[in-house]
Structures are given as C-alpha cells and as structure tokens.
C-alpha cells in the first residue's frame, strides 16, 4: 500500500514540481530526473520550488518504473500535436551537452547525463508502438532511466 501511495504522490507532484523551458510556443514541462533512484521516504524533497506558467505543456501521460519503493525510470508521453522540436529544445537546453554524438543524425536522440547517472532517450512513437499499445503513433516519448536500470536502486 505504501508503494502505491508513493507512486500516486509522485505522479501528482511530478506535474506541479517542474521547471519549464520556453522556445516559440508554450513552455514544455520535463520530468525531474532527481526522482530517479529516489526512495519513497526521500522523494518529497526533490520537487523544484518554482511556479509553472499557466500555458505550460505537460506530458499527457507519465509512466514510472519502480523496484520496490525506488523509482528507476520514467516515460513521459507528449501529445502528437506538440512539435517534437519544442520538446527536443527543452531537453537540449538542460541536457544538450550530454548528447551522444552518434544520435545527432538519428531519429532516436540520446543524452547520457554522466554526473547525475541517468540517460534520456527522445523518440516518436511509431505504428508498431501503437499496435503494442505503448503510445499512439506520432506521440513524442521522453524516457529517463537511471544507469543500471532496475539494479540502480541497489546502489547507495
């Protein structure tokens, strides 16, 4: 029950505790990577204390991956009507210097944020993803995962 309560609290807080980055349209809200490897009792201290603009673009869905009470991955899905370039710009403004060079010309964009020990993968859902019921085709996916995946929760 505590795990479910922690997950619900994280999901509700995620939408309200983030900074936004604005390019040309509405600002894009990104998940807080400090949630990765967060134990449920420590998570209430990771919210960024800045207000979010009223026209900010929030993910339409955020899925979390947990190992017991430790969150090690997040997938944010942004509606297909939100330009992927706006989402890419928001990510690049915070994490661009960690872009993997091989992914620059690839439709799959990857950033390895070494100091914080996580990676971000940005992609657009395909028809295949839609058939597998992962996301509607055209939906932008931003996947955050701690280095080591599920085993990252075992690292102090």
C-alpha atoms as a PDB file:
ATOM      1  CA  UNK A   1       0.000   0.000   0.000  1.00  0.00           C
ATOM      2  CA  UNK A   2       2.862   2.387   0.814  1.00  0.00           C
ATOM      3  CA  UNK A   3       4.381   1.762  -2.624  1.00  0.00           C
ATOM      4  CA  UNK A   4       1.096   2.566  -4.355  1.00  0.00           C
ATOM      5  CA  UNK A   5       0.657   5.687  -2.229  1.00  0.00           C
ATOM      6  CA  UNK A   6       4.226   6.782  -3.021  1.00  0.00           C
ATOM      7  CA  UNK A   7       3.679   6.204  -6.749  1.00  0.00           C
ATOM      8  CA  UNK A   8       0.446   8.223  -6.733  1.00  0.00           C
ATOM      9  CA  UNK A   9       2.126  11.023  -4.787  1.00  0.00           C
ATOM     10  CA  UNK A  10       5.000  11.073  -7.283  1.00  0.00           C
ATOM     11  CA  UNK A  11       2.642  11.202 -10.240  1.00  0.00           C
ATOM     12  CA  UNK A  12       0.614  14.073  -8.807  1.00  0.00           C
ATOM     13  CA  UNK A  13       3.668  16.008  -7.712  1.00  0.00           C
ATOM     14  CA  UNK A  14       5.517  15.452 -10.980  1.00  0.00           C
ATOM     15  CA  UNK A  15       3.124  17.649 -12.904  1.00  0.00           C
ATOM     16  CA  UNK A  16       3.392  20.534 -10.450  1.00  0.00           C
ATOM     17  CA  UNK A  17       7.013  20.497  -9.381  1.00  0.00           C
ATOM     18  CA  UNK A  18       8.892  21.087 -12.587  1.00  0.00           C
ATOM     19  CA  UNK A  19      10.606  23.916 -14.328  1.00  0.00           C
ATOM     20  CA  UNK A  20       9.564  24.810 -17.816  1.00  0.00           C
ATOM     21  CA  UNK A  21      11.561  25.906 -20.819  1.00  0.00           C
ATOM     22  CA  UNK A  22      10.023  28.114 -23.471  1.00  0.00           C
ATOM     23  CA  UNK A  23      11.052  28.355 -27.117  1.00  0.00           C
ATOM     24  CA  UNK A  24       8.486  29.719 -29.521  1.00  0.00           C
ATOM     25  CA  UNK A  25       5.203  28.273 -28.227  1.00  0.00           C
ATOM     26  CA  UNK A  26       4.139  27.200 -24.794  1.00  0.00           C
ATOM     27  CA  UNK A  27       6.815  26.096 -22.334  1.00  0.00           C
ATOM     28  CA  UNK A  28       7.428  22.341 -22.119  1.00  0.00           C
ATOM     29  CA  UNK A  29       7.413  20.692 -18.686  1.00  0.00           C
ATOM     30  CA  UNK A  30      10.094  17.998 -18.263  1.00  0.00           C
ATOM     31  CA  UNK A  31      10.201  15.327 -15.549  1.00  0.00           C
ATOM     32  CA  UNK A  32      12.624  15.886 -12.698  1.00  0.00           C
ATOM     33  CA  UNK A  33      15.498  13.372 -13.022  1.00  0.00           C
ATOM     34  CA  UNK A  34      16.190  13.736  -9.294  1.00  0.00           C
ATOM     35  CA  UNK A  35      13.278  11.338  -8.869  1.00  0.00           C
ATOM     36  CA  UNK A  36      15.447   8.547 -10.292  1.00  0.00           C
ATOM     37  CA  UNK A  37      16.802   6.295  -7.527  1.00  0.00           C
ATOM     38  CA  UNK A  38      14.584   8.155  -5.075  1.00  0.00           C
ATOM     39  CA  UNK A  39      13.329   6.060  -2.164  1.00  0.00           C
ATOM     40  CA  UNK A  40       9.700   6.817  -1.294  1.00  0.00           C
ATOM     41  CA  UNK A  41      10.532   8.476   2.032  1.00  0.00           C
ATOM     42  CA  UNK A  42      13.062  10.827   0.357  1.00  0.00           C
ATOM     43  CA  UNK A  43      11.046  11.841  -2.705  1.00  0.00           C
ATOM     44  CA  UNK A  44       9.181  14.749  -1.165  1.00  0.00           C
ATOM     45  CA  UNK A  45      12.480  16.714  -1.060  1.00  0.00           C
ATOM     46  CA  UNK A  46      13.200  16.632  -4.810  1.00  0.00           C
ATOM     47  CA  UNK A  47      10.494  18.929  -6.148  1.00  0.00           C
ATOM     48  CA  UNK A  48      11.804  22.125  -7.696  1.00  0.00           C
ATOM     49  CA  UNK A  49      10.164  25.060  -5.976  1.00  0.00           C
ATOM     50  CA  UNK A  50       9.310  27.190  -8.975  1.00  0.00           C
ATOM     51  CA  UNK A  51       5.895  28.024 -10.277  1.00  0.00           C
ATOM     52  CA  UNK A  52       4.771  26.669 -13.626  1.00  0.00           C
ATOM     53  CA  UNK A  53       3.254  29.013 -16.182  1.00  0.00           C
ATOM     54  CA  UNK A  54      -0.457  28.593 -16.844  1.00  0.00           C
ATOM     55  CA  UNK A  55       0.098  27.780 -20.542  1.00  0.00           C
ATOM     56  CA  UNK A  56       2.827  25.205 -19.881  1.00  0.00           C
ATOM     57  CA  UNK A  57       2.682  21.941 -21.839  1.00  0.00           C
ATOM     58  CA  UNK A  58       2.581  18.951 -19.517  1.00  0.00           C
ATOM     59  CA  UNK A  59       3.061  15.361 -20.606  1.00  0.00           C
ATOM     60  CA  UNK A  60      -0.255  13.692 -21.359  1.00  0.00           C
ATOM     61  CA  UNK A  61       0.977  10.604 -19.522  1.00  0.00           C
ATOM     62  CA  UNK A  62       3.915   9.740 -17.274  1.00  0.00           C
ATOM     63  CA  UNK A  63       4.709   6.105 -16.571  1.00  0.00           C
ATOM     64  CA  UNK A  64       7.125   5.199 -13.819  1.00  0.00           C
ATOM     65  CA  UNK A  65       9.218   2.069 -13.314  1.00  0.00           C
ATOM     66  CA  UNK A  66       9.844   1.105  -9.706  1.00  0.00           C
ATOM     67  CA  UNK A  67      11.792  -1.584  -7.894  1.00  0.00           C
ATOM     68  CA  UNK A  68      10.018  -1.957  -4.559  1.00  0.00           C
ATOM     69  CA  UNK A  69       9.938   1.661  -3.342  1.00  0.00           C
ATOM     70  CA  UNK A  70      12.684   3.026  -5.641  1.00  0.00           C
ATOM     71  CA  UNK A  71      11.861   4.763  -8.906  1.00  0.00           C
ATOM     72  CA  UNK A  72      14.482   3.968 -11.584  1.00  0.00           C
ATOM     73  CA  UNK A  73      12.756   5.000 -14.829  1.00  0.00           C
ATOM     74  CA  UNK A  74      10.134   7.401 -16.208  1.00  0.00           C
ATOM     75  CA  UNK A  75       8.489   7.694 -19.599  1.00  0.00           C
ATOM     76  CA  UNK A  76       6.789  10.987 -20.465  1.00  0.00           C
ATOM     77  CA  UNK A  77       4.407  10.969 -23.405  1.00  0.00           C
ATOM     78  CA  UNK A  78       3.648  14.293 -25.077  1.00  0.00           C
ATOM     79  CA  UNK A  79       0.684  14.666 -27.406  1.00  0.00           C
ATOM     80  CA  UNK A  80       1.491  14.404 -31.108  1.00  0.00           C
ATOM     81  CA  UNK A  81       0.232  17.974 -31.618  1.00  0.00           C
ATOM     82  CA  UNK A  82       3.213  19.271 -29.610  1.00  0.00           C
ATOM     83  CA  UNK A  83       6.132  19.847 -32.007  1.00  0.00           C
ATOM     84  CA  UNK A  84       8.938  17.393 -31.257  1.00  0.00           C
ATOM     85  CA  UNK A  85      11.408  20.212 -31.884  1.00  0.00           C
ATOM     86  CA  UNK A  86       9.962  22.120 -28.906  1.00  0.00           C
ATOM     87  CA  UNK A  87      10.447  19.083 -26.662  1.00  0.00           C
ATOM     88  CA  UNK A  88      13.945  18.463 -28.069  1.00  0.00           C
ATOM     89  CA  UNK A  89      14.840  22.119 -27.441  1.00  0.00           C
ATOM     90  CA  UNK A  90      13.601  21.925 -23.845  1.00  0.00           C
ATOM     91  CA  UNK A  91      15.708  18.813 -23.243  1.00  0.00           C
ATOM     92  CA  UNK A  92      18.740  20.259 -25.051  1.00  0.00           C
ATOM     93  CA  UNK A  93      18.648  23.477 -23.029  1.00  0.00           C
ATOM     94  CA  UNK A  94      19.117  21.414 -19.860  1.00  0.00           C
ATOM     95  CA  UNK A  95      20.998  18.341 -21.130  1.00  0.00           C
ATOM     96  CA  UNK A  96      22.309  19.164 -24.623  1.00  0.00           C
ATOM     97  CA  UNK A  97      25.977  18.968 -23.701  1.00  0.00           C
ATOM     98  CA  UNK A  98      25.459  15.285 -22.856  1.00  0.00           C
ATOM     99  CA  UNK A  99      24.044  14.354 -26.274  1.00  0.00           C
ATOM    100  CA  UNK A 100      25.522  11.133 -27.614  1.00  0.00           C
ATOM    101  CA  UNK A 101      27.279  12.159 -30.868  1.00  0.00           C
ATOM    102  CA  UNK A 102      26.110   9.070 -32.758  1.00  0.00           C
ATOM    103  CA  UNK A 103      22.480  10.047 -32.099  1.00  0.00           C
ATOM    104  CA  UNK A 104      22.708  13.543 -33.606  1.00  0.00           C
ATOM    105  CA  UNK A 105      21.590  12.409 -37.075  1.00  0.00           C
ATOM    106  CA  UNK A 106      19.374   9.592 -35.807  1.00  0.00           C
ATOM    107  CA  UNK A 107      15.620   9.845 -35.189  1.00  0.00           C
ATOM    108  CA  UNK A 108      16.387   8.428 -31.720  1.00  0.00           C
ATOM    109  CA  UNK A 109      18.073  11.162 -29.650  1.00  0.00           C
ATOM    110  CA  UNK A 110      20.060  10.091 -26.571  1.00  0.00           C
ATOM    111  CA  UNK A 111      21.673  12.106 -23.778  1.00  0.00           C
ATOM    112  CA  UNK A 112      23.901  10.406 -21.180  1.00  0.00           C
ATOM    113  CA  UNK A 113      23.975  12.703 -18.165  1.00  0.00           C
ATOM    114  CA  UNK A 114      27.085  11.237 -16.536  1.00  0.00           C
ATOM    115  CA  UNK A 115      27.221  13.484 -13.433  1.00  0.00           C
ATOM    116  CA  UNK A 116      23.684  12.516 -12.413  1.00  0.00           C
ATOM    117  CA  UNK A 117      23.946   8.913 -13.697  1.00  0.00           C
ATOM    118  CA  UNK A 118      20.920   8.757 -15.994  1.00  0.00           C
ATOM    119  CA  UNK A 119      20.114   8.762 -19.694  1.00  0.00           C
ATOM    120  CA  UNK A 120      17.319  10.356 -21.716  1.00  0.00           C
ATOM    121  CA  UNK A 121      16.033   8.853 -24.928  1.00  0.00           C
ATOM    122  CA  UNK A 122      13.777  11.010 -27.100  1.00  0.00           C
ATOM    123  CA  UNK A 123      11.790   9.384 -29.894  1.00  0.00           C
ATOM    124  CA  UNK A 124       8.490   9.481 -31.721  1.00  0.00           C
ATOM    125  CA  UNK A 125       6.144   6.526 -31.324  1.00  0.00           C
ATOM    126  CA  UNK A 126       5.617   4.501 -34.484  1.00  0.00           C
ATOM    127  CA  UNK A 127       2.683   2.455 -35.774  1.00  0.00           C
ATOM    128  CA  UNK A 128       4.450  -0.562 -34.268  1.00  0.00           C
ATOM    129  CA  UNK A 129       4.410   1.141 -30.838  1.00  0.00           C
ATOM    130  CA  UNK A 130       0.720   1.866 -31.316  1.00  0.00           C
ATOM    131  CA  UNK A 131      -0.022  -1.793 -32.122  1.00  0.00           C
ATOM    132  CA  UNK A 132       1.855  -2.823 -28.975  1.00  0.00           C
ATOM    133  CA  UNK A 133      -0.278  -0.268 -27.056  1.00  0.00           C
ATOM    134  CA  UNK A 134       2.763   1.659 -25.863  1.00  0.00           C
ATOM    135  CA  UNK A 135       1.706   5.010 -27.320  1.00  0.00           C
ATOM    136  CA  UNK A 136      -0.282   6.433 -30.198  1.00  0.00           C
ATOM    137  CA  UNK A 137       1.755   6.856 -33.388  1.00  0.00           C
ATOM    138  CA  UNK A 138       3.205  10.365 -33.531  1.00  0.00           C
ATOM    139  CA  UNK A 139       3.389  10.739 -29.757  1.00  0.00           C
ATOM    140  CA  UNK A 140       6.740  12.039 -28.516  1.00  0.00           C
ATOM    141  CA  UNK A 141       8.343   9.814 -25.875  1.00  0.00           C
ATOM    142  CA  UNK A 142      10.978  11.061 -23.434  1.00  0.00           C
ATOM    143  CA  UNK A 143      12.369   8.097 -21.496  1.00  0.00           C
ATOM    144  CA  UNK A 144      14.513   8.763 -18.423  1.00  0.00           C
ATOM    145  CA  UNK A 145      16.360   5.816 -16.919  1.00  0.00           C
ATOM    146  CA  UNK A 146      18.952   5.559 -14.176  1.00  0.00           C
ATOM    147  CA  UNK A 147      22.232   3.932 -15.182  1.00  0.00           C
ATOM    148  CA  UNK A 148      21.869   0.271 -14.302  1.00  0.00           C
ATOM    149  CA  UNK A 149      18.087   0.265 -14.733  1.00  0.00           C
ATOM    150  CA  UNK A 150      16.329  -1.713 -12.043  1.00  0.00           C
ATOM    151  CA  UNK A 151      19.620  -2.569 -10.326  1.00  0.00           C
ATOM    152  CA  UNK A 152      20.347   1.186  -9.844  1.00  0.00           C
ATOM    153  CA  UNK A 153      18.089   1.056  -6.801  1.00  0.00           C
ATOM    154  CA  UNK A 154      20.560  -1.265  -5.075  1.00  0.00           C
ATOM    155  CA  UNK A 155      23.378   1.295  -5.346  1.00  0.00           C
ATOM    156  CA  UNK A 156      23.643   3.599  -2.302  1.00  0.00           C
END
